[in-house]
Amino acid sequence: MSGVRFVFPKPRLAELLKMPGGLPVVEALERAQANLETIKPACRADLMSLLDTAEAAFAELGNDFDEVRMAGLYAIAVRGIGTGAVCGAPGVDTALTSLCDLLDFLLTGKRHDREAIGVHLQAWRLLMTVDLPQAGADSILAGLRKVTAKYAKA
C-alpha cells in the first residue's frame, strides 16, 4: 500500500513582501515626477489634438438635439480627462469633467444647448493656450460648473 503525502508549497510572494528593500517613497516619487516631465510635451500635443477633434465634432453638431453626435463628443472629451494634470494644465481636467457632465445631462434629458457645449470647448482651448493666473482659471472653471449645474437640476 502506498502512502499519500500532502505537500503545501510556501507562497513566495508572502516571503518577498516581508523582505525589506526597494526604493524609499521620496525617491520613488521623485523618479515618477521625472518620468512625467519627459512625457509632458507628448501629452500636451495629444491633448491639443484631442481638442481639435472635439472642435471638429462640435462644428458638425447642429442646432437640434442629436444624440449620436453628442455621444461622440462625449467619447472624445472623456478620453482627455486626467491628461491635463500630466501636461501641466490641471484645470483642463476639471473643464473636461464639466463638459462630460453637461453632455450626460443633456443626453439624459434629450435636450440641446449648443452655446453651453461651445463655451466648454472655448474654455478648454483657453486653459491650454493661455498662461492664466490661478484666479482667472478658477473663475473660468466656476463659470463652467454653473453652466453644467443648470442642467443637472433639470
C-alpha atoms as a PDB file:
ATOM      1  CA  MET A   1       0.000   0.000   0.000  1.00  0.00           C
ATOM      2  CA  SER A   2       1.325   3.416  -0.915  1.00  0.00           C
ATOM      3  CA  GLY A   3       1.137   6.366   1.411  1.00  0.00           C
ATOM      4  CA  VAL A   4      -0.404   9.674   0.382  1.00  0.00           C
ATOM      5  CA  ARG A   5       1.670  12.675   1.089  1.00  0.00           C
ATOM      6  CA  PHE A   6       0.271  16.217   1.028  1.00  0.00           C
ATOM      7  CA  VAL A   7       2.710  18.975   0.139  1.00  0.00           C
ATOM      8  CA  PHE A   8       1.836  22.627   0.719  1.00  0.00           C
ATOM      9  CA  PRO A   9       4.264  24.932  -1.062  1.00  0.00           C
ATOM     10  CA  LYS A  10       5.291  28.082   0.755  1.00  0.00           C
ATOM     11  CA  PRO A  11       3.972  31.153  -1.035  1.00  0.00           C
ATOM     12  CA  ARG A  12       6.965  33.026  -2.405  1.00  0.00           C
ATOM     13  CA  LEU A  13       5.079  36.301  -2.679  1.00  0.00           C
ATOM     14  CA  ALA A  14       4.409  36.393   1.055  1.00  0.00           C
ATOM     15  CA  GLU A  15       8.118  35.953   1.711  1.00  0.00           C
ATOM     16  CA  LEU A  16       9.032  38.704  -0.741  1.00  0.00           C
ATOM     17  CA  LEU A  17       6.579  41.122   0.810  1.00  0.00           C
ATOM     18  CA  LYS A  18       8.129  40.593   4.235  1.00  0.00           C
ATOM     19  CA  MET A  19      11.660  41.300   2.976  1.00  0.00           C
ATOM     20  CA  PRO A  20      12.927  44.871   3.375  1.00  0.00           C
ATOM     21  CA  GLY A  21      14.224  46.702   0.340  1.00  0.00           C
ATOM     22  CA  GLY A  22      13.134  48.744  -2.617  1.00  0.00           C
ATOM     23  CA  LEU A  23      13.154  52.477  -3.096  1.00  0.00           C
ATOM     24  CA  PRO A  24      12.268  54.908  -0.348  1.00  0.00           C
ATOM     25  CA  VAL A  25       8.943  56.603  -1.030  1.00  0.00           C
ATOM     26  CA  VAL A  26      10.546  60.012  -1.541  1.00  0.00           C
ATOM     27  CA  GLU A  27      12.913  58.664  -4.185  1.00  0.00           C
ATOM     28  CA  ALA A  28      10.135  56.749  -5.922  1.00  0.00           C
ATOM     29  CA  LEU A  29       8.037  59.924  -6.108  1.00  0.00           C
ATOM     30  CA  GLU A  30      10.987  61.916  -7.474  1.00  0.00           C
ATOM     31  CA  ARG A  31      11.553  59.315 -10.184  1.00  0.00           C
ATOM     32  CA  ALA A  32       7.872  59.250 -11.056  1.00  0.00           C
ATOM     33  CA  GLN A  33       7.814  63.048 -11.358  1.00  0.00           C
ATOM     34  CA  ALA A  34      10.910  62.959 -13.572  1.00  0.00           C
ATOM     35  CA  ASN A  35       9.244  60.368 -15.806  1.00  0.00           C
ATOM     36  CA  LEU A  36       6.116  62.520 -16.063  1.00  0.00           C
ATOM     37  CA  GLU A  37       8.244  65.507 -17.097  1.00  0.00           C
ATOM     38  CA  THR A  38       9.653  63.522 -20.002  1.00  0.00           C
ATOM     39  CA  ILE A  39       6.194  62.717 -21.380  1.00  0.00           C
ATOM     40  CA  LYS A  40       4.736  66.173 -20.714  1.00  0.00           C
ATOM     41  CA  PRO A  41       5.274  67.535 -24.273  1.00  0.00           C
ATOM     42  CA  ALA A  42       3.732  64.431 -25.857  1.00  0.00           C
ATOM     43  CA  CYS A  43       0.742  64.597 -23.512  1.00  0.00           C
ATOM     44  CA  ARG A  44       0.249  68.265 -24.302  1.00  0.00           C
ATOM     45  CA  ALA A  45       0.345  67.539 -28.051  1.00  0.00           C
ATOM     46  CA  ASP A  46      -2.131  64.665 -27.629  1.00  0.00           C
ATOM     47  CA  LEU A  47      -4.495  66.865 -25.624  1.00  0.00           C
ATOM     48  CA  MET A  48      -4.320  69.628 -28.253  1.00  0.00           C
ATOM     49  CA  SER A  49      -5.037  67.079 -30.975  1.00  0.00           C
ATOM     50  CA  LEU A  50      -7.993  65.801 -28.977  1.00  0.00           C
ATOM     51  CA  LEU A  51      -9.232  69.387 -28.646  1.00  0.00           C
ATOM     52  CA  ASP A  52      -9.019  69.834 -32.425  1.00  0.00           C
ATOM     53  CA  THR A  53     -11.022  66.628 -32.859  1.00  0.00           C
ATOM     54  CA  ALA A  54     -13.618  67.818 -30.336  1.00  0.00           C
ATOM     55  CA  GLU A  55     -13.944  71.182 -32.080  1.00  0.00           C
ATOM     56  CA  ALA A  56     -14.429  69.421 -35.428  1.00  0.00           C
ATOM     57  CA  ALA A  57     -17.141  67.240 -33.883  1.00  0.00           C
ATOM     58  CA  PHE A  58     -18.750  70.342 -32.385  1.00  0.00           C
ATOM     59  CA  ALA A  59     -18.752  72.026 -35.806  1.00  0.00           C
ATOM     60  CA  GLU A  60     -20.841  69.118 -37.131  1.00  0.00           C
ATOM     61  CA  LEU A  61     -23.303  69.443 -34.253  1.00  0.00           C
ATOM     62  CA  GLY A  62     -26.441  71.180 -35.463  1.00  0.00           C
ATOM     63  CA  ASN A  63     -28.886  73.368 -33.597  1.00  0.00           C
ATOM     64  CA  ASP A  64     -31.205  70.494 -32.687  1.00  0.00           C
ATOM     65  CA  PHE A  65     -30.761  67.568 -30.337  1.00  0.00           C
ATOM     66  CA  ASP A  66     -28.531  64.939 -31.952  1.00  0.00           C
ATOM     67  CA  GLU A  67     -27.897  62.010 -29.661  1.00  0.00           C
ATOM     68  CA  VAL A  68     -25.289  60.339 -31.878  1.00  0.00           C
ATOM     69  CA  ARG A  69     -23.123  63.436 -32.358  1.00  0.00           C
ATOM     70  CA  MET A  70     -23.404  64.469 -28.705  1.00  0.00           C
ATOM     71  CA  ALA A  71     -22.441  60.968 -27.579  1.00  0.00           C
ATOM     72  CA  GLY A  72     -19.499  61.134 -29.987  1.00  0.00           C
ATOM     73  CA  LEU A  73     -18.389  64.433 -28.471  1.00  0.00           C
ATOM     74  CA  TYR A  74     -18.712  62.885 -25.009  1.00  0.00           C
ATOM     75  CA  ALA A  75     -16.473  59.983 -26.092  1.00  0.00           C
ATOM     76  CA  ILE A  76     -13.843  62.431 -27.315  1.00  0.00           C
ATOM     77  CA  ALA A  77     -13.894  64.579 -24.167  1.00  0.00           C
ATOM     78  CA  VAL A  78     -13.801  61.699 -21.701  1.00  0.00           C
ATOM     79  CA  ARG A  79     -10.574  60.404 -23.275  1.00  0.00           C
ATOM     80  CA  GLY A  80      -8.767  63.584 -22.203  1.00  0.00           C
ATOM     81  CA  ILE A  81      -9.665  63.517 -18.520  1.00  0.00           C
ATOM     82  CA  GLY A  82      -6.507  63.043 -16.477  1.00  0.00           C
ATOM     83  CA  THR A  83      -4.145  64.197 -19.193  1.00  0.00           C
ATOM     84  CA  GLY A  84      -4.332  67.833 -18.131  1.00  0.00           C
ATOM     85  CA  ALA A  85      -2.627  67.115 -14.819  1.00  0.00           C
ATOM     86  CA  VAL A  86       0.222  65.333 -16.605  1.00  0.00           C
ATOM     87  CA  CYS A  87       0.786  68.105 -19.154  1.00  0.00           C
ATOM     88  CA  GLY A  88       0.711  70.944 -16.631  1.00  0.00           C
ATOM     89  CA  ALA A  89      -2.845  72.146 -17.225  1.00  0.00           C
ATOM     90  CA  PRO A  90      -4.882  70.621 -14.375  1.00  0.00           C
ATOM     91  CA  GLY A  91      -7.782  72.995 -14.997  1.00  0.00           C
ATOM     92  CA  VAL A  92      -8.399  71.200 -18.290  1.00  0.00           C
ATOM     93  CA  ASP A  93      -9.323  68.045 -16.380  1.00  0.00           C
ATOM     94  CA  THR A  94     -11.968  69.994 -14.465  1.00  0.00           C
ATOM     95  CA  ALA A  95     -13.260  71.575 -17.695  1.00  0.00           C
ATOM     96  CA  LEU A  96     -13.453  68.173 -19.404  1.00  0.00           C
ATOM     97  CA  THR A  97     -15.259  66.650 -16.442  1.00  0.00           C
ATOM     98  CA  SER A  98     -17.725  69.524 -16.534  1.00  0.00           C
ATOM     99  CA  LEU A  99     -18.203  69.071 -20.295  1.00  0.00           C
ATOM    100  CA  CYS A 100     -18.830  65.350 -19.874  1.00  0.00           C
ATOM    101  CA  ASP A 101     -21.313  66.017 -17.063  1.00  0.00           C
ATOM    102  CA  LEU A 102     -23.072  68.609 -19.218  1.00  0.00           C
ATOM    103  CA  LEU A 103     -23.298  66.253 -22.183  1.00  0.00           C
ATOM    104  CA  ASP A 104     -24.544  63.476 -19.918  1.00  0.00           C
ATOM    105  CA  PHE A 105     -27.292  65.719 -18.508  1.00  0.00           C
ATOM    106  CA  LEU A 106     -28.255  66.914 -21.977  1.00  0.00           C
ATOM    107  CA  LEU A 107     -28.336  63.379 -23.387  1.00  0.00           C
ATOM    108  CA  THR A 108     -30.335  62.052 -20.453  1.00  0.00           C
ATOM    109  CA  GLY A 109     -32.880  64.868 -20.749  1.00  0.00           C
ATOM    110  CA  LYS A 110     -32.845  64.742 -24.567  1.00  0.00           C
ATOM    111  CA  ARG A 111     -32.001  68.444 -24.567  1.00  0.00           C
ATOM    112  CA  HIS A 112     -29.625  70.573 -26.591  1.00  0.00           C
ATOM    113  CA  ASP A 113     -27.650  73.702 -25.757  1.00  0.00           C
ATOM    114  CA  ARG A 114     -25.042  74.456 -28.386  1.00  0.00           C
ATOM    115  CA  GLU A 115     -23.782  77.529 -26.536  1.00  0.00           C
ATOM    116  CA  ALA A 116     -23.175  75.627 -23.286  1.00  0.00           C
ATOM    117  CA  ILE A 117     -21.181  72.987 -25.133  1.00  0.00           C
ATOM    118  CA  GLY A 118     -19.298  75.625 -27.095  1.00  0.00           C
ATOM    119  CA  VAL A 119     -18.276  77.581 -24.004  1.00  0.00           C
ATOM    120  CA  HIS A 120     -16.771  74.411 -22.543  1.00  0.00           C
ATOM    121  CA  LEU A 121     -14.699  73.867 -25.669  1.00  0.00           C
ATOM    122  CA  GLN A 122     -13.584  77.503 -25.672  1.00  0.00           C
ATOM    123  CA  ALA A 123     -12.559  77.200 -22.030  1.00  0.00           C
ATOM    124  CA  TRP A 124     -10.610  74.033 -22.859  1.00  0.00           C
ATOM    125  CA  ARG A 125      -8.671  75.886 -25.564  1.00  0.00           C
ATOM    126  CA  LEU A 126      -8.110  78.903 -23.321  1.00  0.00           C
ATOM    127  CA  LEU A 127      -6.799  76.762 -20.471  1.00  0.00           C
ATOM    128  CA  MET A 128      -4.427  75.013 -22.881  1.00  0.00           C
ATOM    129  CA  THR A 129      -3.077  78.020 -24.750  1.00  0.00           C
ATOM    130  CA  VAL A 130      -3.052  80.985 -22.355  1.00  0.00           C
ATOM    131  CA  ASP A 131      -0.921  81.200 -19.230  1.00  0.00           C
ATOM    132  CA  LEU A 132      -3.675  82.369 -16.889  1.00  0.00           C
ATOM    133  CA  PRO A 133      -3.218  83.370 -13.274  1.00  0.00           C
ATOM    134  CA  GLN A 134      -4.787  80.834 -10.915  1.00  0.00           C
ATOM    135  CA  ALA A 135      -7.621  83.233 -10.032  1.00  0.00           C
ATOM    136  CA  GLY A 136      -8.530  83.552 -13.721  1.00  0.00           C
ATOM    137  CA  ALA A 137      -8.537  79.799 -14.256  1.00  0.00           C
ATOM    138  CA  ASP A 138     -10.615  79.305 -11.111  1.00  0.00           C
ATOM    139  CA  SER A 139     -13.122  81.886 -12.341  1.00  0.00           C
ATOM    140  CA  ILE A 140     -13.474  80.122 -15.702  1.00  0.00           C
ATOM    141  CA  LEU A 141     -13.951  76.744 -14.031  1.00  0.00           C
ATOM    142  CA  ALA A 142     -16.530  78.158 -11.615  1.00  0.00           C
ATOM    143  CA  GLY A 143     -18.468  79.506 -14.596  1.00  0.00           C
ATOM    144  CA  LEU A 144     -18.386  76.113 -16.308  1.00  0.00           C
ATOM    145  CA  ARG A 145     -19.693  74.450 -13.159  1.00  0.00           C
ATOM    146  CA  LYS A 146     -22.593  76.934 -13.091  1.00  0.00           C
ATOM    147  CA  VAL A 147     -23.475  76.147 -16.703  1.00  0.00           C
ATOM    148  CA  THR A 148     -23.399  72.406 -16.009  1.00  0.00           C
ATOM    149  CA  ALA A 149     -25.369  72.796 -12.756  1.00  0.00           C
ATOM    150  CA  LYS A 150     -28.169  74.482 -14.703  1.00  0.00           C
ATOM    151  CA  TYR A 151     -28.807  71.178 -16.489  1.00  0.00           C
ATOM    152  CA  ALA A 152     -28.154  68.966 -13.501  1.00  0.00           C
ATOM    153  CA  LYS A 153     -31.318  70.287 -11.865  1.00  0.00           C
ATOM    154  CA  ALA A 154     -33.417  69.681 -14.976  1.00  0.00           C
END
